[in-house]
């Protein structure tokens, strides 16, 4: 099947979708791409805002015929249309049906589980790569772990990661968080290995795979560490990566375990942010969220240009090998992690699928509902390394 477009950005009128359109316009001149969404006038405004010479697709998220028109003509669909459980399920279905690869920026691990159940088998048989979680959720965690594994020439017992960052919040992300409180996800979603393939979790991994972490001083990175608000999604993605890579004989190590933390230089900051994190979780799980939601940014709104320029992210990875020896790695970069960096991450993920096809993990015919590490791997690290993202270590 001949496809006219290399990449189509679905959700291009949203805050992050616009950033992706801007990124592609400034960083590519040798691919054919387009923008898509629900509102023609808003899409035309995006074209004018960034002086784009691109085509437009109009498609509601429940219009399967219109979505098929996109995927039948596109090699890679890049979706920023969240909440993804609300707006991107039919799009993934269409991508698998019409053999289009797919990347997005979701942190909705419960929705990823649904996509695995519905589409992994067919996508695998067709060699279609469905790669969710290609934003700040969960590329630093997933590729940082993968990067550490490539620099250690022996099995890894355990990796603990530590994350810090500075940036803003958009209405789309806020809407996703608050919409989750209205869903009945069930106890299964508390399983740290909910994204893993069947029969891929050992007793030792279950014993050591808890996501529960407390406040403590870490001498290796000379910081205080505590719960990380994004760990609930990131950890599950990393564990799926480890299992999928193991199935391809490229795993991190037998009984590999992973845990994730935030880090802070001061105990007072660690205590305050941990309290706010727990309070936010309480609000999301109770009717209080309906009172708080109107006070926060609305979909389409986001941080200022200054906030995005002055932001940063910083991630450390402590990898434990045999004998208890630990080796330290780091992934870091400038820019607001949730938006400026996320748009870079997902655009480079889409470009990796287009430009690095022959180098991708698993070989030409590999597919399924994958992860950044298992579906994009070293080629994506190489592209990000050439675009302001630093992978370092062992330190």
Protein backbone atom coordinates (compact mmCIF):
# COMPACT_ATOMS: atom_id res chain seq x y z
CA UNK A 1 0.00 0.00 0.00
CA UNK A 2 1.46 3.35 -1.07
CA UNK A 3 1.17 6.04 1.60
CA UNK A 4 1.43 9.71 0.65
CA UNK A 5 2.31 11.09 4.09
CA UNK A 6 5.20 10.18 6.36
CA UNK A 7 3.67 11.65 9.54
CA UNK A 8 0.28 13.05 10.48
CA UNK A 9 -0.12 14.91 13.79
CA UNK A 10 -3.56 14.08 15.22
CA UNK A 11 -4.71 16.64 17.78
CA UNK A 12 -2.65 19.40 16.17
CA UNK A 13 -4.84 22.20 17.56
CA UNK A 14 -4.13 21.32 21.20
CA UNK A 15 -1.32 22.88 23.23
CA UNK A 16 1.17 20.04 22.70
CA UNK A 17 -0.07 19.36 19.17
CA UNK A 18 0.88 22.91 18.18
CA UNK A 19 4.34 22.45 19.69
CA UNK A 20 4.74 19.29 17.61
CA UNK A 21 3.72 21.12 14.45
CA UNK A 22 6.24 23.84 15.26
CA UNK A 23 8.96 21.26 15.95
CA UNK A 24 8.46 19.42 12.65
CA UNK A 25 8.33 22.68 10.71
CA UNK A 26 11.66 23.78 12.20
CA UNK A 27 13.49 20.44 12.15
CA UNK A 28 12.41 18.64 8.97
CA UNK A 29 12.48 19.55 5.31
CA UNK A 30 12.64 16.15 3.66
CA UNK A 31 9.39 14.48 4.77
CA UNK A 32 5.77 14.91 3.76
CA UNK A 33 3.59 15.55 6.80
CA UNK A 34 0.12 16.83 7.62
CA UNK A 35 -2.01 17.90 10.56
CA UNK A 36 -5.33 16.49 11.70
CA UNK A 37 -8.08 17.21 14.19
CA UNK A 38 -11.76 17.81 14.71
CA UNK A 39 -12.04 21.50 13.75
CA UNK A 40 -11.07 22.77 10.29
CA UNK A 41 -10.95 26.45 11.31
CA UNK A 42 -8.60 25.74 14.22
CA UNK A 43 -6.36 23.64 11.96
CA UNK A 44 -6.23 26.51 9.46
CA UNK A 45 -5.23 28.80 12.35
CA UNK A 46 -2.34 26.45 13.20
CA UNK A 47 -1.16 26.61 9.58
CA UNK A 48 -1.23 30.41 9.66
CA UNK A 49 0.43 30.67 13.08
CA UNK A 50 3.47 28.67 11.99
CA UNK A 51 3.35 29.47 8.24
CA UNK A 52 2.90 25.80 7.40
CA UNK A 53 2.56 24.41 3.90
CA UNK A 54 0.87 21.16 4.94
CA UNK A 55 -2.38 19.37 4.21
CA UNK A 56 -5.25 19.01 6.67
CA UNK A 57 -7.34 16.00 7.69
CA UNK A 58 -10.67 16.48 9.49
CA UNK A 59 -11.61 13.57 11.73
CA UNK A 60 -13.71 13.24 14.87
CA UNK A 61 -12.36 10.62 17.26
CA UNK A 62 -15.44 8.42 16.73
CA UNK A 63 -15.55 8.78 12.93
CA UNK A 64 -13.95 5.52 11.82
CA UNK A 65 -14.22 6.33 8.11
CA UNK A 66 -12.41 9.66 8.56
CA UNK A 67 -9.76 8.02 10.75
CA UNK A 68 -9.26 5.31 8.13
CA UNK A 69 -8.69 8.04 5.56
CA UNK A 70 -5.77 9.24 7.69
CA UNK A 71 -4.22 5.86 8.41
CA UNK A 72 -4.64 4.53 4.87
CA UNK A 73 -2.51 7.42 3.66
CA UNK A 74 0.03 7.76 6.47
CA UNK A 75 3.11 5.81 7.53
CA UNK A 76 3.16 7.14 11.12
CA UNK A 77 0.40 8.75 13.17
CA UNK A 78 1.54 11.01 16.02
CA UNK A 79 -1.30 11.57 18.48
CA UNK A 80 -1.45 14.31 21.10
CA UNK A 81 -5.23 13.95 21.51
CA UNK A 82 -5.79 13.30 25.18
CA UNK A 83 -7.31 12.11 27.37
CA UNK A 84 -6.32 9.14 25.25
CA UNK A 85 -8.93 6.79 26.69
CA UNK A 86 -11.49 9.29 25.40
CA UNK A 87 -10.05 10.40 22.04
CA UNK A 88 -7.47 7.96 20.68
CA UNK A 89 -8.83 4.41 21.00
CA UNK A 90 -10.44 4.34 17.55
CA UNK A 91 -7.32 5.92 16.09
CA UNK A 92 -5.13 3.07 17.35
CA UNK A 93 -7.66 0.57 16.01
CA UNK A 94 -7.48 2.26 12.60
CA UNK A 95 -3.67 2.30 12.64
CA UNK A 96 -3.51 -1.45 13.23
CA UNK A 97 -6.21 -2.09 10.63
CA UNK A 98 -4.39 -0.08 7.96
CA UNK A 99 -0.78 -0.84 8.97
CA UNK A 100 0.22 2.62 10.17
CA UNK A 101 2.76 2.92 12.96
CA UNK A 102 1.67 5.04 15.93
CA UNK A 103 3.26 7.13 18.71
CA UNK A 104 1.69 9.28 21.42
CA UNK A 105 2.36 11.07 24.72
CA UNK A 106 -0.05 9.25 27.02
CA UNK A 107 0.60 8.49 30.67
CA UNK A 108 -2.67 6.55 30.94
CA UNK A 109 -1.27 3.09 31.65
CA UNK A 110 -4.77 1.65 32.14
CA UNK A 111 -5.57 2.66 28.54
CA UNK A 112 -2.29 1.16 27.31
CA UNK A 113 -3.39 -2.11 28.96
CA UNK A 114 -6.66 -1.92 27.01
CA UNK A 115 -4.78 -1.33 23.75
CA UNK A 116 -2.54 -4.33 24.47
CA UNK A 117 -5.57 -6.55 25.04
CA UNK A 118 -7.33 -5.32 21.91
CA UNK A 119 -4.51 -4.89 19.41
CA UNK A 120 -1.13 -6.37 20.40
CA UNK A 121 -1.66 -9.71 18.69
CA UNK A 122 -2.82 -8.25 15.36
CA UNK A 123 -0.20 -5.49 15.37
CA UNK A 124 2.48 -8.07 16.07
CA UNK A 125 1.34 -10.29 13.20
CA UNK A 126 1.39 -7.31 10.81
CA UNK A 127 4.67 -5.79 12.00
CA UNK A 128 2.89 -2.59 13.03
CA UNK A 129 4.58 -0.66 15.85
CA UNK A 130 2.11 0.92 18.28
CA UNK A 131 4.31 2.87 20.70
CA UNK A 132 2.47 4.84 23.39
CA UNK A 133 4.18 6.80 26.21
CA UNK A 134 6.66 8.69 24.01
CA UNK A 135 6.55 11.95 25.97
CA UNK A 136 8.07 12.83 29.34
CA UNK A 137 5.82 9.91 30.27
CA UNK A 138 7.85 7.67 29.86
CA UNK A 139 10.93 8.26 27.70
CA UNK A 140 13.47 9.37 30.36
CA UNK A 141 12.58 6.39 32.57
CA UNK A 142 12.38 3.85 29.76
CA UNK A 143 15.31 4.96 27.61
CA UNK A 144 17.45 5.78 30.66
CA UNK A 145 17.05 2.20 31.86
CA UNK A 146 17.71 0.87 28.36
CA UNK A 147 20.78 3.11 27.98
CA UNK A 148 22.25 1.86 31.26
CA UNK A 149 21.78 -1.73 30.11
CA UNK A 150 23.75 -1.07 26.91
CA UNK A 151 26.71 0.25 28.92
CA UNK A 152 26.89 -2.66 31.35
CA UNK A 153 28.28 -5.91 30.01
CA UNK A 154 26.66 -8.14 32.61
CA UNK A 155 23.14 -8.88 33.86
CA UNK A 156 21.49 -6.12 35.88
CA UNK A 157 19.67 -7.10 39.08
CA UNK A 158 17.89 -3.82 39.73
CA UNK A 159 17.64 -0.20 38.60
CA UNK A 160 16.34 2.64 40.73
CA UNK A 161 15.71 5.95 38.98
CA UNK A 162 15.51 9.45 40.47
CA UNK A 163 13.80 12.37 38.74
CA UNK A 164 13.66 16.15 39.06
CA UNK A 165 12.30 18.82 36.76
CA UNK A 166 10.87 22.28 36.38
CA UNK A 167 8.04 23.37 34.12
CA UNK A 168 4.36 24.18 33.83
CA UNK A 169 1.00 22.44 33.54
CA UNK A 170 -1.43 22.48 30.61
CA UNK A 171 -5.18 22.10 30.59
CA UNK A 172 -4.96 18.88 28.61
CA UNK A 173 -2.79 17.16 31.20
CA UNK A 174 -5.00 18.47 33.99
CA UNK A 175 -8.09 17.17 32.20
CA UNK A 176 -6.52 13.73 31.86
CA UNK A 177 -5.72 13.53 35.56
CA UNK A 178 -9.15 14.67 36.67
CA UNK A 179 -11.01 12.46 34.16
CA UNK A 180 -9.32 9.36 35.59
CA UNK A 181 -11.19 9.90 38.84
CA UNK A 182 -14.46 9.21 37.02
CA UNK A 183 -13.29 5.82 35.74
CA UNK A 184 -13.78 2.52 37.53
CA UNK A 185 -10.36 0.99 36.87
CA UNK A 186 -10.52 -1.91 39.31
CA UNK A 187 -7.91 -3.41 41.61
CA UNK A 188 -5.95 -4.87 38.71
CA UNK A 189 -4.59 -1.41 37.95
CA UNK A 190 -2.74 -1.46 41.29
CA UNK A 191 -0.61 -4.34 39.94
CA UNK A 192 2.95 -3.01 39.30
CA UNK A 193 3.20 -5.50 36.40
CA UNK A 194 -0.19 -4.79 34.82
CA UNK A 195 1.40 -4.06 31.40
CA UNK A 196 3.58 -7.18 31.36
CA UNK A 197 2.92 -10.08 29.00
CA UNK A 198 1.35 -13.14 30.62
CA UNK A 199 3.68 -15.40 32.63
CA UNK A 200 6.58 -12.92 32.43
CA UNK A 201 6.77 -12.08 36.15
CA UNK A 202 8.72 -14.20 38.64
CA UNK A 203 8.04 -14.56 42.36
CA UNK A 204 11.19 -12.56 43.12
CA UNK A 205 10.06 -9.73 40.84
CA UNK A 206 6.65 -9.61 42.53
CA UNK A 207 8.38 -9.51 45.93
CA UNK A 208 10.78 -6.66 45.01
CA UNK A 209 8.63 -4.80 42.47
CA UNK A 210 6.64 -2.55 44.79
CA UNK A 211 6.05 1.08 43.79
CA UNK A 212 5.76 2.20 47.41
CA UNK A 213 8.66 4.49 48.37
CA UNK A 214 9.24 6.78 51.34
CA UNK A 215 11.40 9.80 52.10
CA UNK A 216 15.08 9.00 52.59
CA UNK A 217 18.58 10.36 52.00
CA UNK A 218 20.42 8.87 49.04
CA UNK A 219 24.21 9.17 49.32
CA UNK A 220 24.84 8.06 45.73
CA UNK A 221 23.22 11.20 44.28
CA UNK A 222 23.57 13.27 47.48
CA UNK A 223 19.86 14.10 47.59
CA UNK A 224 16.64 13.41 49.43
CA UNK A 225 14.29 11.07 47.56
CA UNK A 226 10.57 10.46 47.75
CA UNK A 227 7.48 9.47 45.74
CA UNK A 228 7.40 10.62 42.10
CA UNK A 229 3.95 11.52 40.79
CA UNK A 230 4.63 9.97 37.36
CA UNK A 231 6.05 6.70 38.69
CA UNK A 232 2.69 4.94 38.58
CA UNK A 233 2.83 4.98 34.77
CA UNK A 234 6.59 5.04 34.12
CA UNK A 235 7.40 1.98 36.21
CA UNK A 236 4.85 -0.14 34.39
CA UNK A 237 6.22 0.92 31.00
CA UNK A 238 9.79 0.09 32.03
CA UNK A 239 8.72 -3.34 33.30
CA UNK A 240 6.92 -4.06 30.02
CA UNK A 241 10.07 -3.06 28.14
CA UNK A 242 12.18 -5.42 30.21
CA UNK A 243 9.76 -8.29 29.54
CA UNK A 244 9.43 -7.62 25.80
CA UNK A 245 13.21 -7.31 25.40
CA UNK A 246 13.63 -10.56 27.35
CA UNK A 247 11.34 -12.29 24.86
CA UNK A 248 13.75 -11.12 22.13
CA UNK A 249 16.78 -12.35 24.11
CA UNK A 250 17.82 -8.76 24.81
CA UNK A 251 16.61 -8.47 28.41
CA UNK A 252 18.27 -6.58 31.26
CA UNK A 253 18.80 -9.57 33.53
CA UNK A 254 16.99 -12.50 35.15
CA UNK A 255 14.50 -11.29 37.79
CA UNK A 256 15.26 -7.64 36.91
CA UNK A 257 13.39 -5.15 39.12
CA UNK A 258 12.78 -1.43 38.81
CA UNK A 259 11.71 1.34 41.17
CA UNK A 260 11.31 5.09 40.68
CA UNK A 261 11.65 8.17 42.90
CA UNK A 262 11.72 11.96 42.79
CA UNK A 263 14.81 13.69 44.19
CA UNK A 264 15.41 16.99 46.00
CA UNK A 265 18.46 18.75 47.41
CA UNK A 266 16.66 19.82 50.60
CA UNK A 267 14.66 17.72 53.05
CA UNK A 268 12.12 20.54 53.47
CA UNK A 269 11.42 20.54 49.72
CA UNK A 270 11.10 16.76 49.66
CA UNK A 271 8.64 16.87 52.54
CA UNK A 272 6.54 19.66 51.02
CA UNK A 273 6.34 18.14 47.52
CA UNK A 274 5.53 14.70 48.93
CA UNK A 275 2.68 16.21 50.96
CA UNK A 276 1.33 18.06 47.90
CA UNK A 277 1.61 14.89 45.79
CA UNK A 278 -0.37 12.88 48.33
CA UNK A 279 -2.94 15.67 48.64
CA UNK A 280 -3.35 15.81 44.84
CA UNK A 281 -3.89 12.04 44.77
CA UNK A 282 -6.55 12.39 47.47
CA UNK A 283 -8.32 15.14 45.52
CA UNK A 284 -8.36 13.04 42.32
CA UNK A 285 -9.88 10.06 44.11
CA UNK A 286 -12.71 11.95 45.83
CA UNK A 287 -15.56 14.28 44.79
CA UNK A 288 -13.26 17.19 45.74
CA UNK A 289 -11.91 17.03 42.17
CA UNK A 290 -15.17 18.50 40.83
CA UNK A 291 -14.64 21.59 43.00
CA UNK A 292 -10.94 22.01 42.19
CA UNK A 293 -11.06 21.33 38.42
CA UNK A 294 -12.60 24.71 37.36
CA UNK A 295 -9.75 26.55 39.09
CA UNK A 296 -7.04 24.93 36.94
CA UNK A 297 -6.00 25.40 33.26
CA UNK A 298 -8.55 24.37 30.63
CA UNK A 299 -7.79 22.17 27.57
CA UNK A 300 -5.81 24.18 25.03
CA UNK A 301 -4.17 26.32 27.70
CA UNK A 302 -0.59 25.80 28.84
CA UNK A 303 2.56 27.30 30.32
CA UNK A 304 4.13 30.50 28.98
CA UNK A 305 6.99 30.54 26.50
CA UNK A 306 9.30 31.75 29.27
CA UNK A 307 8.31 28.86 31.54
CA UNK A 308 8.92 26.36 28.74
CA UNK A 309 12.31 27.83 27.85
CA UNK A 310 13.54 27.98 31.45
CA UNK A 311 12.46 24.46 32.39
CA UNK A 312 14.61 21.35 32.66
CA UNK A 313 14.52 17.66 33.48
CA UNK A 314 17.17 15.56 35.21
CA UNK A 315 17.12 11.80 35.78
CA UNK A 316 19.64 9.52 37.48
CA UNK A 317 19.74 5.72 37.22
CA UNK A 318 21.43 3.53 39.82
CA UNK A 319 22.06 0.12 38.27
CA UNK A 320 22.92 -2.75 40.61
CA UNK A 321 24.87 -5.68 39.20
CA UNK A 322 26.21 -8.89 40.75
CA UNK A 323 27.87 -8.54 44.12
CA UNK A 324 25.86 -5.41 44.93
CA UNK A 325 28.05 -3.02 42.90
CA UNK A 326 26.11 0.05 41.69
CA UNK A 327 26.80 2.11 38.57
CA UNK A 328 25.27 5.55 38.01
CA UNK A 329 23.86 6.97 34.76
CA UNK A 330 22.16 10.24 33.90
CA UNK A 331 19.68 11.57 31.32
CA UNK A 332 18.99 15.32 31.26
CA UNK A 333 18.05 18.25 29.08
CA UNK A 334 16.78 21.82 28.96
CA UNK A 335 13.20 22.93 28.44
CA UNK A 336 9.90 22.37 30.21
CA UNK A 337 9.63 18.57 30.43
CA UNK A 338 5.87 18.29 30.04
CA UNK A 339 5.61 20.33 26.84
CA UNK A 340 8.76 21.58 25.10
CA UNK A 341 10.69 18.39 25.84
CA UNK A 342 7.65 16.15 25.36
CA UNK A 343 7.01 17.56 21.88
CA UNK A 344 10.66 16.88 20.99
CA UNK A 345 10.46 13.34 22.38
CA UNK A 346 7.33 12.34 20.47
CA UNK A 347 8.36 14.04 17.21
CA UNK A 348 11.75 12.33 17.28
CA UNK A 349 9.98 9.04 18.05
CA UNK A 350 7.87 9.46 14.91
CA UNK A 351 10.93 10.46 12.88
CA UNK A 352 12.80 7.40 14.18
CA UNK A 353 10.07 5.18 12.72
CA UNK A 354 10.40 6.98 9.38
CA UNK A 355 14.14 7.50 9.07
CA UNK A 356 15.71 4.65 11.08
CA UNK A 357 13.50 1.78 9.98
CA UNK A 358 16.29 -0.69 9.26
CA UNK A 359 17.92 -0.11 12.67
CA UNK A 360 14.86 -0.58 14.88
CA UNK A 361 14.83 -3.22 17.66
CA UNK A 362 13.41 -6.58 16.74
CA UNK A 363 14.05 -6.29 13.01
CA UNK A 364 11.87 -5.34 10.07
CA UNK A 365 8.82 -7.49 10.84
CA UNK A 366 8.62 -6.76 14.57
CA UNK A 367 5.44 -5.16 15.88
CA UNK A 368 2.83 -5.01 18.61
CA UNK A 369 1.83 -2.59 21.34
CA UNK A 370 5.39 -1.77 22.34
CA UNK A 371 7.33 0.71 24.47
CA UNK A 372 9.93 3.34 23.58
CA UNK A 373 12.78 1.01 24.58
CA UNK A 374 11.44 -2.13 22.90
CA UNK A 375 10.03 -0.41 19.81
CA UNK A 376 12.53 2.41 19.17
CA UNK A 377 15.57 1.73 21.35
CA UNK A 378 19.07 2.87 20.38
CA UNK A 379 18.04 4.69 17.17
CA UNK A 380 15.84 7.02 19.23
CA UNK A 381 18.63 7.55 21.80
CA UNK A 382 20.94 8.51 18.93
CA UNK A 383 18.44 11.00 17.51
CA UNK A 384 17.73 12.57 20.90
CA UNK A 385 21.45 12.78 21.66
CA UNK A 386 21.86 14.87 18.51
CA UNK A 387 19.01 17.15 19.60
CA UNK A 388 19.89 18.39 23.07
CA UNK A 389 19.13 15.36 25.26
CA UNK A 390 22.16 14.11 27.20
CA UNK A 391 22.72 10.42 27.95
CA UNK A 392 25.72 10.00 30.26
CA UNK A 393 27.51 7.26 32.17
CA UNK A 394 28.65 5.32 33.91
CA UNK A 395 29.51 8.40 35.99
